[in-house]
């Protein structure tokens, strides 16, 4: 879960999220809301993401600001759950 959070939040390509689905939602103003263990147990989900699934949440009053922050300063808006997992990864990583 920590590695997944880091991949989605911390791994970048030219400053933007490396994952194309994350990049799509973040450009549109979503918040990286929750990472779900075994959220996709289909054969494709298991093969593609070890069954993990991320939820993006759109707060309509914040989407324009979130989108502008992401596109302008490359800031990813994320929930406390995601940020906590990222922090745990950073503390324990040997990368």
N, C-alpha and C. Protein backbone atom coordinates (compact mmCIF):
# COMPACT_ATOMS: atom_id res chain seq x y z
N UNK A 1 0.84 -1.19 0.00
CA UNK A 1 0.00 0.00 0.00
C UNK A 1 0.88 1.25 0.00
N UNK A 2 1.95 1.22 0.82
CA UNK A 2 2.85 2.38 0.87
C UNK A 2 3.55 2.59 -0.47
N UNK A 3 4.00 1.50 -1.07
CA UNK A 3 4.67 1.61 -2.36
C UNK A 3 3.70 2.11 -3.44
N UNK A 4 2.48 1.64 -3.40
CA UNK A 4 1.46 2.09 -4.35
C UNK A 4 1.22 3.59 -4.17
N UNK A 5 1.08 4.04 -2.93
CA UNK A 5 0.88 5.47 -2.66
C UNK A 5 2.05 6.28 -3.20
N UNK A 6 3.27 5.80 -2.97
CA UNK A 6 4.43 6.53 -3.47
C UNK A 6 4.44 6.57 -5.00
N UNK A 7 4.13 5.44 -5.62
CA UNK A 7 4.10 5.40 -7.09
C UNK A 7 3.11 6.43 -7.63
N UNK A 8 1.92 6.47 -7.06
CA UNK A 8 0.89 7.38 -7.57
C UNK A 8 1.18 8.84 -7.22
N UNK A 9 1.72 9.09 -6.05
CA UNK A 9 1.92 10.46 -5.57
C UNK A 9 3.32 10.98 -5.85
N UNK A 10 4.32 10.13 -5.72
CA UNK A 10 5.69 10.62 -5.74
C UNK A 10 6.47 10.40 -7.02
N UNK A 11 6.12 9.39 -7.79
CA UNK A 11 6.86 9.13 -9.03
C UNK A 11 6.34 10.07 -10.12
N UNK A 12 7.26 10.79 -10.75
CA UNK A 12 6.87 11.85 -11.68
C UNK A 12 7.52 11.68 -13.05
N UNK A 13 6.86 12.26 -14.03
CA UNK A 13 7.40 12.41 -15.37
C UNK A 13 7.23 13.89 -15.72
N UNK A 14 8.35 14.58 -15.83
CA UNK A 14 8.33 16.03 -16.09
C UNK A 14 7.54 16.78 -15.03
N UNK A 15 7.56 16.27 -13.81
CA UNK A 15 6.88 16.92 -12.70
C UNK A 15 5.45 16.51 -12.47
N UNK A 16 4.87 15.78 -13.40
CA UNK A 16 3.48 15.34 -13.27
C UNK A 16 3.44 13.85 -12.92
N UNK A 17 2.29 13.39 -12.44
CA UNK A 17 2.14 11.99 -12.04
C UNK A 17 2.53 11.06 -13.18
N UNK A 18 3.32 10.07 -12.86
CA UNK A 18 3.78 9.10 -13.85
C UNK A 18 2.63 8.24 -14.36
N UNK A 19 1.71 7.86 -13.48
CA UNK A 19 0.60 7.01 -13.86
C UNK A 19 -0.39 7.81 -14.72
N UNK A 20 -0.73 7.32 -15.91
CA UNK A 20 -1.61 8.09 -16.80
C UNK A 20 -3.03 8.30 -16.27
N UNK A 21 -3.55 7.34 -15.54
CA UNK A 21 -4.90 7.50 -14.97
C UNK A 21 -4.86 8.56 -13.87
N UNK A 22 -3.85 8.51 -13.01
CA UNK A 22 -3.70 9.54 -11.98
C UNK A 22 -3.56 10.91 -12.62
N UNK A 23 -2.73 10.99 -13.63
CA UNK A 23 -2.51 12.27 -14.32
C UNK A 23 -3.82 12.81 -14.88
N UNK A 24 -4.62 11.96 -15.49
CA UNK A 24 -5.91 12.37 -16.04
C UNK A 24 -6.81 12.99 -14.96
N UNK A 25 -6.99 12.26 -13.86
CA UNK A 25 -7.89 12.75 -12.80
C UNK A 25 -7.36 14.01 -12.14
N UNK A 26 -6.05 14.05 -11.91
CA UNK A 26 -5.47 15.23 -11.26
C UNK A 26 -5.56 16.46 -12.15
N UNK A 27 -5.37 16.29 -13.44
CA UNK A 27 -5.53 17.42 -14.37
C UNK A 27 -6.95 17.96 -14.34
N UNK A 28 -7.90 17.09 -14.06
CA UNK A 28 -9.31 17.49 -14.01
C UNK A 28 -9.75 17.98 -12.64
N UNK A 29 -8.81 18.07 -11.69
CA UNK A 29 -9.12 18.68 -10.40
C UNK A 29 -9.52 17.74 -9.30
N UNK A 30 -9.31 16.45 -9.48
CA UNK A 30 -9.69 15.49 -8.44
C UNK A 30 -8.68 15.48 -7.30
N UNK A 31 -9.10 14.91 -6.18
CA UNK A 31 -8.24 14.66 -5.03
C UNK A 31 -7.93 13.16 -5.04
N UNK A 32 -6.65 12.81 -4.85
CA UNK A 32 -6.29 11.41 -4.70
C UNK A 32 -6.82 11.01 -3.32
N UNK A 33 -7.91 10.27 -3.30
CA UNK A 33 -8.69 10.13 -2.08
C UNK A 33 -8.36 8.89 -1.24
N UNK A 34 -8.33 7.72 -1.84
CA UNK A 34 -8.16 6.51 -1.04
C UNK A 34 -7.53 5.42 -1.89
N UNK A 35 -6.69 4.62 -1.25
CA UNK A 35 -6.13 3.44 -1.89
C UNK A 35 -6.75 2.23 -1.22
N UNK A 36 -7.31 1.35 -2.03
CA UNK A 36 -8.05 0.19 -1.53
C UNK A 36 -7.28 -1.10 -1.80
N UNK A 37 -6.96 -1.83 -0.74
CA UNK A 37 -6.35 -3.14 -0.86
C UNK A 37 -7.40 -4.10 -1.39
N UNK A 38 -7.06 -4.84 -2.43
CA UNK A 38 -7.95 -5.81 -3.07
C UNK A 38 -9.25 -5.16 -3.54
N UNK A 39 -9.13 -3.95 -4.05
CA UNK A 39 -10.28 -3.23 -4.60
C UNK A 39 -10.68 -3.73 -5.98
N UNK A 40 -9.75 -4.39 -6.67
CA UNK A 40 -10.04 -4.95 -7.99
C UNK A 40 -9.47 -6.36 -8.05
N UNK A 41 -10.31 -7.34 -7.78
CA UNK A 41 -9.86 -8.72 -7.72
C UNK A 41 -10.07 -9.47 -9.04
N UNK A 42 -10.39 -8.72 -10.09
CA UNK A 42 -10.50 -9.36 -11.40
C UNK A 42 -9.12 -9.83 -11.85
N UNK A 43 -9.05 -10.78 -12.77
CA UNK A 43 -7.73 -11.21 -13.25
C UNK A 43 -6.88 -10.05 -13.78
N UNK A 44 -7.51 -9.13 -14.49
CA UNK A 44 -6.77 -7.96 -14.99
C UNK A 44 -6.30 -7.07 -13.84
N UNK A 45 -7.14 -6.86 -12.82
CA UNK A 45 -6.77 -6.05 -11.67
C UNK A 45 -5.63 -6.65 -10.87
N UNK A 46 -5.67 -7.96 -10.70
CA UNK A 46 -4.58 -8.65 -9.98
C UNK A 46 -3.28 -8.54 -10.78
N UNK A 47 -3.35 -8.76 -12.07
CA UNK A 47 -2.15 -8.71 -12.91
C UNK A 47 -1.60 -7.29 -13.05
N UNK A 48 -2.48 -6.31 -13.16
CA UNK A 48 -2.04 -4.94 -13.42
C UNK A 48 -1.66 -4.14 -12.21
N UNK A 49 -2.29 -4.42 -11.06
CA UNK A 49 -2.04 -3.59 -9.87
C UNK A 49 -2.08 -4.38 -8.57
N UNK A 50 -1.85 -5.68 -8.67
CA UNK A 50 -1.89 -6.55 -7.47
C UNK A 50 -3.21 -6.41 -6.72
N UNK A 51 -4.27 -6.05 -7.44
CA UNK A 51 -5.59 -5.92 -6.85
C UNK A 51 -5.88 -4.58 -6.20
N UNK A 52 -4.89 -3.70 -6.14
CA UNK A 52 -5.12 -2.39 -5.51
C UNK A 52 -5.87 -1.46 -6.46
N UNK A 53 -6.65 -0.59 -5.87
CA UNK A 53 -7.41 0.38 -6.65
C UNK A 53 -7.38 1.72 -5.91
N UNK A 54 -7.31 2.78 -6.66
CA UNK A 54 -7.33 4.11 -6.06
C UNK A 54 -8.64 4.79 -6.41
N UNK A 55 -9.16 5.54 -5.45
CA UNK A 55 -10.35 6.35 -5.69
C UNK A 55 -9.93 7.80 -5.79
N UNK A 56 -10.47 8.49 -6.78
CA UNK A 56 -10.29 9.93 -6.93
C UNK A 56 -11.61 10.57 -6.61
N UNK A 57 -11.57 11.65 -5.84
CA UNK A 57 -12.80 12.30 -5.44
C UNK A 57 -12.82 13.72 -5.99
N UNK A 58 -13.96 14.08 -6.53
CA UNK A 58 -14.13 15.42 -7.10
C UNK A 58 -15.02 16.24 -6.17
N UNK A 59 -14.45 17.28 -5.58
CA UNK A 59 -15.23 18.27 -4.83
C UNK A 59 -15.46 19.41 -5.82
N UNK A 60 -16.67 19.55 -6.31
CA UNK A 60 -16.94 20.44 -7.43
C UNK A 60 -16.47 21.87 -7.18
N UNK A 61 -16.59 22.35 -5.94
CA UNK A 61 -16.17 23.72 -5.65
C UNK A 61 -14.64 23.88 -5.67
N UNK A 62 -13.90 22.76 -5.62
CA UNK A 62 -12.44 22.81 -5.57
C UNK A 62 -11.76 22.34 -6.86
N UNK A 63 -12.51 21.82 -7.81
CA UNK A 63 -11.87 21.21 -8.98
C UNK A 63 -11.05 22.22 -9.78
N UNK A 64 -11.54 23.43 -9.98
CA UNK A 64 -10.79 24.42 -10.77
C UNK A 64 -9.47 24.77 -10.08
N UNK A 65 -9.51 24.99 -8.78
CA UNK A 65 -8.30 25.31 -8.03
C UNK A 65 -7.32 24.15 -7.99
N UNK A 66 -7.83 22.94 -7.78
CA UNK A 66 -6.96 21.77 -7.76
C UNK A 66 -6.30 21.56 -9.12
N UNK A 67 -7.07 21.73 -10.17
CA UNK A 67 -6.54 21.56 -11.52
C UNK A 67 -5.46 22.60 -11.81
N UNK A 68 -5.73 23.84 -11.45
CA UNK A 68 -4.75 24.92 -11.68
C UNK A 68 -3.48 24.67 -10.89
N UNK A 69 -3.61 24.21 -9.64
CA UNK A 69 -2.43 23.93 -8.81
C UNK A 69 -1.61 22.79 -9.39
N UNK A 70 -2.28 21.78 -9.90
CA UNK A 70 -1.58 20.64 -10.49
C UNK A 70 -0.88 21.05 -11.79
N UNK A 71 -1.60 21.71 -12.66
CA UNK A 71 -1.03 22.09 -13.96
C UNK A 71 0.01 23.19 -13.83
N UNK A 72 -0.19 24.09 -12.88
CA UNK A 72 0.74 25.22 -12.73
C UNK A 72 1.96 24.91 -11.90
N UNK A 73 1.74 24.41 -10.69
CA UNK A 73 2.87 24.16 -9.78
C UNK A 73 3.12 22.68 -9.53
N UNK A 74 2.36 21.83 -10.22
CA UNK A 74 2.53 20.37 -10.15
C UNK A 74 2.26 19.82 -8.75
N UNK A 75 1.37 20.50 -8.02
CA UNK A 75 0.98 20.07 -6.67
C UNK A 75 -0.17 19.07 -6.75
N UNK A 76 0.01 17.90 -6.13
CA UNK A 76 -1.02 16.87 -6.09
C UNK A 76 -1.81 17.02 -4.80
N UNK A 77 -3.10 17.20 -4.93
CA UNK A 77 -3.99 17.25 -3.77
C UNK A 77 -4.34 15.82 -3.39
N UNK A 78 -4.06 15.46 -2.13
CA UNK A 78 -4.32 14.08 -1.68
C UNK A 78 -4.89 14.11 -0.28
N UNK A 79 -5.62 13.05 0.05
CA UNK A 79 -6.23 12.91 1.38
C UNK A 79 -5.18 12.55 2.42
N UNK A 80 -5.56 12.63 3.66
CA UNK A 80 -4.66 12.25 4.76
C UNK A 80 -4.26 10.79 4.67
N UNK A 81 -5.18 9.92 4.23
CA UNK A 81 -4.86 8.49 4.10
C UNK A 81 -3.72 8.29 3.12
N UNK A 82 -3.80 8.92 1.97
CA UNK A 82 -2.76 8.78 0.96
C UNK A 82 -1.46 9.41 1.44
N UNK A 83 -1.53 10.62 2.01
CA UNK A 83 -0.32 11.29 2.49
C UNK A 83 0.35 10.52 3.62
N UNK A 84 -0.44 9.87 4.46
CA UNK A 84 0.13 9.04 5.53
C UNK A 84 0.89 7.86 4.95
N UNK A 85 0.33 7.21 3.95
CA UNK A 85 1.02 6.09 3.30
C UNK A 85 2.30 6.56 2.62
N UNK A 86 2.26 7.72 1.98
CA UNK A 86 3.46 8.28 1.34
C UNK A 86 4.53 8.55 2.39
N UNK A 87 4.13 9.13 3.51
CA UNK A 87 5.07 9.43 4.59
C UNK A 87 5.69 8.15 5.15
N UNK A 88 4.88 7.13 5.35
CA UNK A 88 5.39 5.85 5.84
C UNK A 88 6.38 5.25 4.85
N UNK A 89 6.09 5.35 3.57
CA UNK A 89 7.01 4.86 2.56
C UNK A 89 8.34 5.60 2.64
N UNK A 90 8.29 6.92 2.74
CA UNK A 90 9.51 7.72 2.79
C UNK A 90 10.35 7.41 4.02
N UNK A 91 9.70 7.15 5.14
CA UNK A 91 10.42 6.83 6.37
C UNK A 91 11.10 5.46 6.32
N UNK A 92 10.49 4.52 5.61
CA UNK A 92 10.98 3.14 5.60
C UNK A 92 11.73 2.75 4.33
N UNK A 93 11.75 3.63 3.35
CA UNK A 93 12.34 3.28 2.05
C UNK A 93 13.85 3.34 2.09
N UNK A 94 14.45 2.44 1.34
CA UNK A 94 15.88 2.46 1.18
C UNK A 94 16.25 2.92 -0.23
N UNK A 95 15.28 3.47 -0.95
CA UNK A 95 15.51 3.96 -2.30
C UNK A 95 16.27 5.27 -2.28
